[in-house]
Amino acid sequence: MHELEKKLCIVGLWCIQMKPHDRPTMDGLIEMLEAGVDGVQMPPRPFFCDE
């Protein structure tokens, strides 16, 4: 997977978090998109994980 594809997948996981307060703000989203792939972390509990 290319770096851009990986970054977009991770950002997408942040954007579909079940709880609205877990999702990034628009400013945070822009920061993630402008960061390198190493600057974007996986969300702590992606939506598909059991609680």
PDB file of N, CA and C in Angstrom:
ATOM      1  N   MET A   1       0.854  -1.176   0.000  1.00  0.00           N
ATOM      2  CA  MET A   1       0.000   0.000   0.000  1.00  0.00           C
ATOM      3  C   MET A   1       0.900   1.239   0.000  1.00  0.00           C
ATOM      4  N   HIS A   2       0.581   2.186  -0.820  1.00  0.00           N
ATOM      5  CA  HIS A   2       1.351   3.424  -0.883  1.00  0.00           C
ATOM      6  C   HIS A   2       1.089   4.272   0.358  1.00  0.00           C
ATOM      7  N   GLU A   3       2.003   5.182   0.646  1.00  0.00           N
ATOM      8  CA  GLU A   3       1.883   6.011   1.846  1.00  0.00           C
ATOM      9  C   GLU A   3       0.605   6.833   1.847  1.00  0.00           C
ATOM     10  N   LEU A   4       0.246   7.424   0.719  1.00  0.00           N
ATOM     11  CA  LEU A   4      -0.966   8.238   0.661  1.00  0.00           C
ATOM     12  C   LEU A   4      -2.198   7.386   0.939  1.00  0.00           C
ATOM     13  N   GLU A   5      -2.251   6.203   0.365  1.00  0.00           N
ATOM     14  CA  GLU A   5      -3.395   5.318   0.594  1.00  0.00           C
ATOM     15  C   GLU A   5      -3.496   4.927   2.060  1.00  0.00           C
ATOM     16  N   LYS A   6      -2.365   4.636   2.670  1.00  0.00           N
ATOM     17  CA  LYS A   6      -2.355   4.264   4.089  1.00  0.00           C
ATOM     18  C   LYS A   6      -2.858   5.422   4.944  1.00  0.00           C
ATOM     19  N   LYS A   7      -2.358   6.632   4.658  1.00  0.00           N
ATOM     20  CA  LYS A   7      -2.766   7.800   5.431  1.00  0.00           C
ATOM     21  C   LYS A   7      -4.259   8.055   5.277  1.00  0.00           C
ATOM     22  N   LEU A   8      -4.785   7.955   4.077  1.00  0.00           N
ATOM     23  CA  LEU A   8      -6.210   8.198   3.858  1.00  0.00           C
ATOM     24  C   LEU A   8      -7.074   7.158   4.560  1.00  0.00           C
ATOM     25  N   CYS A   9      -6.623   5.924   4.610  1.00  0.00           N
ATOM     26  CA  CYS A   9      -7.363   4.877   5.329  1.00  0.00           C
ATOM     27  C   CYS A   9      -7.411   5.183   6.824  1.00  0.00           C
ATOM     28  N   ILE A  10      -6.279   5.602   7.384  1.00  0.00           N
ATOM     29  CA  ILE A  10      -6.233   5.919   8.814  1.00  0.00           C
ATOM     30  C   ILE A  10      -7.116   7.124   9.117  1.00  0.00           C
ATOM     31  N   VAL A  11      -7.042   8.162   8.296  1.00  0.00           N
ATOM     32  CA  VAL A  11      -7.886   9.344   8.488  1.00  0.00           C
ATOM     33  C   VAL A  11      -9.360   8.946   8.386  1.00  0.00           C
ATOM     34  N   GLY A  12      -9.684   8.075   7.445  1.00  0.00           N
ATOM     35  CA  GLY A  12     -11.060   7.593   7.313  1.00  0.00           C
ATOM     36  C   GLY A  12     -11.535   6.883   8.564  1.00  0.00           C
ATOM     37  N   LEU A  13     -10.668   6.082   9.184  1.00  0.00           N
ATOM     38  CA  LEU A  13     -11.043   5.406  10.431  1.00  0.00           C
ATOM     39  C   LEU A  13     -11.324   6.409  11.545  1.00  0.00           C
ATOM     40  N   TRP A  14     -10.553   7.489  11.583  1.00  0.00           N
ATOM     41  CA  TRP A  14     -10.823   8.528  12.575  1.00  0.00           C
ATOM     42  C   TRP A  14     -12.187   9.178  12.322  1.00  0.00           C
ATOM     43  N   CYS A  15     -12.519   9.387  11.069  1.00  0.00           N
ATOM     44  CA  CYS A  15     -13.751  10.110  10.717  1.00  0.00           C
ATOM     45  C   CYS A  15     -15.021   9.295  10.945  1.00  0.00           C
ATOM     46  N   ILE A  16     -14.908   7.979  11.055  1.00  0.00           N
ATOM     47  CA  ILE A  16     -16.112   7.162  11.236  1.00  0.00           C
ATOM     48  C   ILE A  16     -16.205   6.580  12.639  1.00  0.00           C
ATOM     49  N   GLN A  17     -15.542   7.211  13.596  1.00  0.00           N
ATOM     50  CA  GLN A  17     -15.658   6.763  14.977  1.00  0.00           C
ATOM     51  C   GLN A  17     -17.117   6.868  15.421  1.00  0.00           C
ATOM     52  N   MET A  18     -17.545   5.924  16.241  1.00  0.00           N
ATOM     53  CA  MET A  18     -18.946   5.859  16.659  1.00  0.00           C
ATOM     54  C   MET A  18     -19.362   7.078  17.482  1.00  0.00           C
ATOM     55  N   LYS A  19     -18.495   7.536  18.370  1.00  0.00           N
ATOM     56  CA  LYS A  19     -18.821   8.670  19.235  1.00  0.00           C
ATOM     57  C   LYS A  19     -18.310   9.957  18.589  1.00  0.00           C
ATOM     58  N   PRO A  20     -19.190  10.943  18.443  1.00  0.00           N
ATOM     59  CA  PRO A  20     -18.773  12.188  17.780  1.00  0.00           C
ATOM     60  C   PRO A  20     -17.552  12.853  18.417  1.00  0.00           C
ATOM     61  N   HIS A  21     -17.425  12.785  19.739  1.00  0.00           N
ATOM     62  CA  HIS A  21     -16.279  13.452  20.378  1.00  0.00           C
ATOM     63  C   HIS A  21     -14.954  12.736  20.104  1.00  0.00           C
ATOM     64  N   ASP A  22     -15.010  11.520  19.569  1.00  0.00           N
ATOM     65  CA  ASP A  22     -13.790  10.800  19.189  1.00  0.00           C
ATOM     66  C   ASP A  22     -13.323  11.148  17.778  1.00  0.00           C
ATOM     67  N   ARG A  23     -14.174  11.823  17.014  1.00  0.00           N
ATOM     68  CA  ARG A  23     -13.824  12.188  15.634  1.00  0.00           C
ATOM     69  C   ARG A  23     -13.001  13.476  15.631  1.00  0.00           C
ATOM     70  N   PRO A  24     -12.136  13.646  14.645  1.00  0.00           N
ATOM     71  CA  PRO A  24     -11.323  14.869  14.601  1.00  0.00           C
ATOM     72  C   PRO A  24     -12.159  16.082  14.190  1.00  0.00           C
ATOM     73  N   THR A  25     -11.709  17.249  14.654  1.00  0.00           N
ATOM     74  CA  THR A  25     -12.308  18.493  14.183  1.00  0.00           C
ATOM     75  C   THR A  25     -11.830  18.727  12.753  1.00  0.00           C
ATOM     76  N   MET A  26     -12.406  19.690  12.087  1.00  0.00           N
ATOM     77  CA  MET A  26     -11.950  19.999  10.730  1.00  0.00           C
ATOM     78  C   MET A  26     -10.493  20.458  10.752  1.00  0.00           C
ATOM     79  N   ASP A  27     -10.126  21.253  11.760  1.00  0.00           N
ATOM     80  CA  ASP A  27      -8.723  21.674  11.873  1.00  0.00           C
ATOM     81  C   ASP A  27      -7.814  20.467  12.091  1.00  0.00           C
ATOM     82  N   GLY A  28      -8.248  19.543  12.950  1.00  0.00           N
ATOM     83  CA  GLY A  28      -7.466  18.334  13.192  1.00  0.00           C
ATOM     84  C   GLY A  28      -7.364  17.472  11.950  1.00  0.00           C
ATOM     85  N   LEU A  29      -8.439  17.429  11.196  1.00  0.00           N
ATOM     86  CA  LEU A  29      -8.455  16.660   9.952  1.00  0.00           C
ATOM     87  C   LEU A  29      -7.455  17.228   8.948  1.00  0.00           C
ATOM     88  N   ILE A  30      -7.429  18.540   8.833  1.00  0.00           N
ATOM     89  CA  ILE A  30      -6.481  19.190   7.923  1.00  0.00           C
ATOM     90  C   ILE A  30      -5.047  18.906   8.362  1.00  0.00           C
ATOM     91  N   GLU A  31      -4.796  18.961   9.680  1.00  0.00           N
ATOM     92  CA  GLU A  31      -3.452  18.655  10.185  1.00  0.00           C
ATOM     93  C   GLU A  31      -3.051  17.228   9.829  1.00  0.00           C
ATOM     94  N   MET A  32      -3.994  16.283   9.984  1.00  0.00           N
ATOM     95  CA  MET A  32      -3.689  14.889   9.646  1.00  0.00           C
ATOM     96  C   MET A  32      -3.384  14.741   8.165  1.00  0.00           C
ATOM     97  N   LEU A  33      -4.155  15.408   7.325  1.00  0.00           N
ATOM     98  CA  LEU A  33      -3.960  15.285   5.884  1.00  0.00           C
ATOM     99  C   LEU A  33      -2.650  15.920   5.429  1.00  0.00           C
ATOM    100  N   GLU A  34      -2.216  16.969   6.129  1.00  0.00           N
ATOM    101  CA  GLU A  34      -0.966  17.631   5.767  1.00  0.00           C
ATOM    102  C   GLU A  34       0.259  16.923   6.340  1.00  0.00           C
ATOM    103  N   ALA A  35       0.063  16.094   7.358  1.00  0.00           N
ATOM    104  CA  ALA A  35       1.181  15.387   7.995  1.00  0.00           C
ATOM    105  C   ALA A  35       1.659  14.243   7.110  1.00  0.00           C
ATOM    106  N   GLY A  36       2.872  13.819   7.360  1.00  0.00           N
ATOM    107  CA  GLY A  36       3.369  12.621   6.692  1.00  0.00           C
ATOM    108  C   GLY A  36       2.667  11.402   7.264  1.00  0.00           C
ATOM    109  N   VAL A  37       2.802  10.283   6.605  1.00  0.00           N
ATOM    110  CA  VAL A  37       2.109   9.071   7.048  1.00  0.00           C
ATOM    111  C   VAL A  37       2.547   8.673   8.461  1.00  0.00           C
ATOM    112  N   ASP A  38       3.782   8.972   8.837  1.00  0.00           N
ATOM    113  CA  ASP A  38       4.259   8.644  10.180  1.00  0.00           C
ATOM    114  C   ASP A  38       3.670   9.569  11.239  1.00  0.00           C
ATOM    115  N   GLY A  39       3.129  10.713  10.819  1.00  0.00           N
ATOM    116  CA  GLY A  39       2.535  11.656  11.754  1.00  0.00           C
ATOM    117  C   GLY A  39       1.070  11.388  12.046  1.00  0.00           C
ATOM    118  N   VAL A  40       0.495  10.376  11.423  1.00  0.00           N
ATOM    119  CA  VAL A  40      -0.920  10.048  11.620  1.00  0.00           C
ATOM    120  C   VAL A  40      -0.998   8.712  12.344  1.00  0.00           C
ATOM    121  N   GLN A  41      -1.640   8.725  13.512  1.00  0.00           N
ATOM    122  CA  GLN A  41      -1.739   7.506  14.305  1.00  0.00           C
ATOM    123  C   GLN A  41      -3.101   6.847  14.128  1.00  0.00           C
ATOM    124  N   MET A  42      -3.123   5.533  14.298  1.00  0.00           N
ATOM    125  CA  MET A  42      -4.381   4.793  14.255  1.00  0.00           C
ATOM    126  C   MET A  42      -5.252   5.226  15.428  1.00  0.00           C
ATOM    127  N   PRO A  43      -6.571   5.273  15.233  1.00  0.00           N
ATOM    128  CA  PRO A  43      -7.443   5.562  16.370  1.00  0.00           C
ATOM    129  C   PRO A  43      -7.310   4.442  17.409  1.00  0.00           C
ATOM    130  N   PRO A  44      -7.528   4.759  18.695  1.00  0.00           N
ATOM    131  CA  PRO A  44      -7.331   3.747  19.732  1.00  0.00           C
ATOM    132  C   PRO A  44      -8.257   2.544  19.591  1.00  0.00           C
ATOM    133  N   ARG A  45      -9.474   2.746  19.138  1.00  0.00           N
ATOM    134  CA  ARG A  45     -10.422   1.650  18.952  1.00  0.00           C
ATOM    135  C   ARG A  45     -11.165   1.875  17.645  1.00  0.00           C
ATOM    136  N   PRO A  46     -10.624   1.374  16.549  1.00  0.00           N
ATOM    137  CA  PRO A  46     -11.350   1.521  15.283  1.00  0.00           C
ATOM    138  C   PRO A  46     -12.770   0.978  15.405  1.00  0.00           C
ATOM    139  N   PHE A  47     -13.681   1.520  14.633  1.00  0.00           N
ATOM    140  CA  PHE A  47     -15.113   1.227  14.784  1.00  0.00           C
ATOM    141  C   PHE A  47     -15.446  -0.249  14.694  1.00  0.00           C
ATOM    142  N   PHE A  48     -14.628  -1.030  14.043  1.00  0.00           N
ATOM    143  CA  PHE A  48     -14.950  -2.436  13.842  1.00  0.00           C
ATOM    144  C   PHE A  48     -14.499  -3.322  14.998  1.00  0.00           C
ATOM    145  N   CYS A  49     -13.864  -2.740  16.025  1.00  0.00           N
ATOM    146  CA  CYS A  49     -13.413  -3.528  17.180  1.00  0.00           C
ATOM    147  C   CYS A  49     -14.550  -3.676  18.183  1.00  0.00           C
ATOM    148  N   ASP A  50     -14.631  -4.836  18.811  1.00  0.00           N
ATOM    149  CA  ASP A  50     -15.610  -5.040  19.873  1.00  0.00           C
ATOM    150  C   ASP A  50     -15.184  -4.272  21.107  1.00  0.00           C
ATOM    151  N   GLU A  51     -16.175  -3.781  21.855  1.00  0.00           N
ATOM    152  CA  GLU A  51     -15.859  -3.060  23.086  1.00  0.00           C
ATOM    153  C   GLU A  51     -15.772  -4.008  24.249  1.00  0.00           C
TER     154      GLU A  51
END
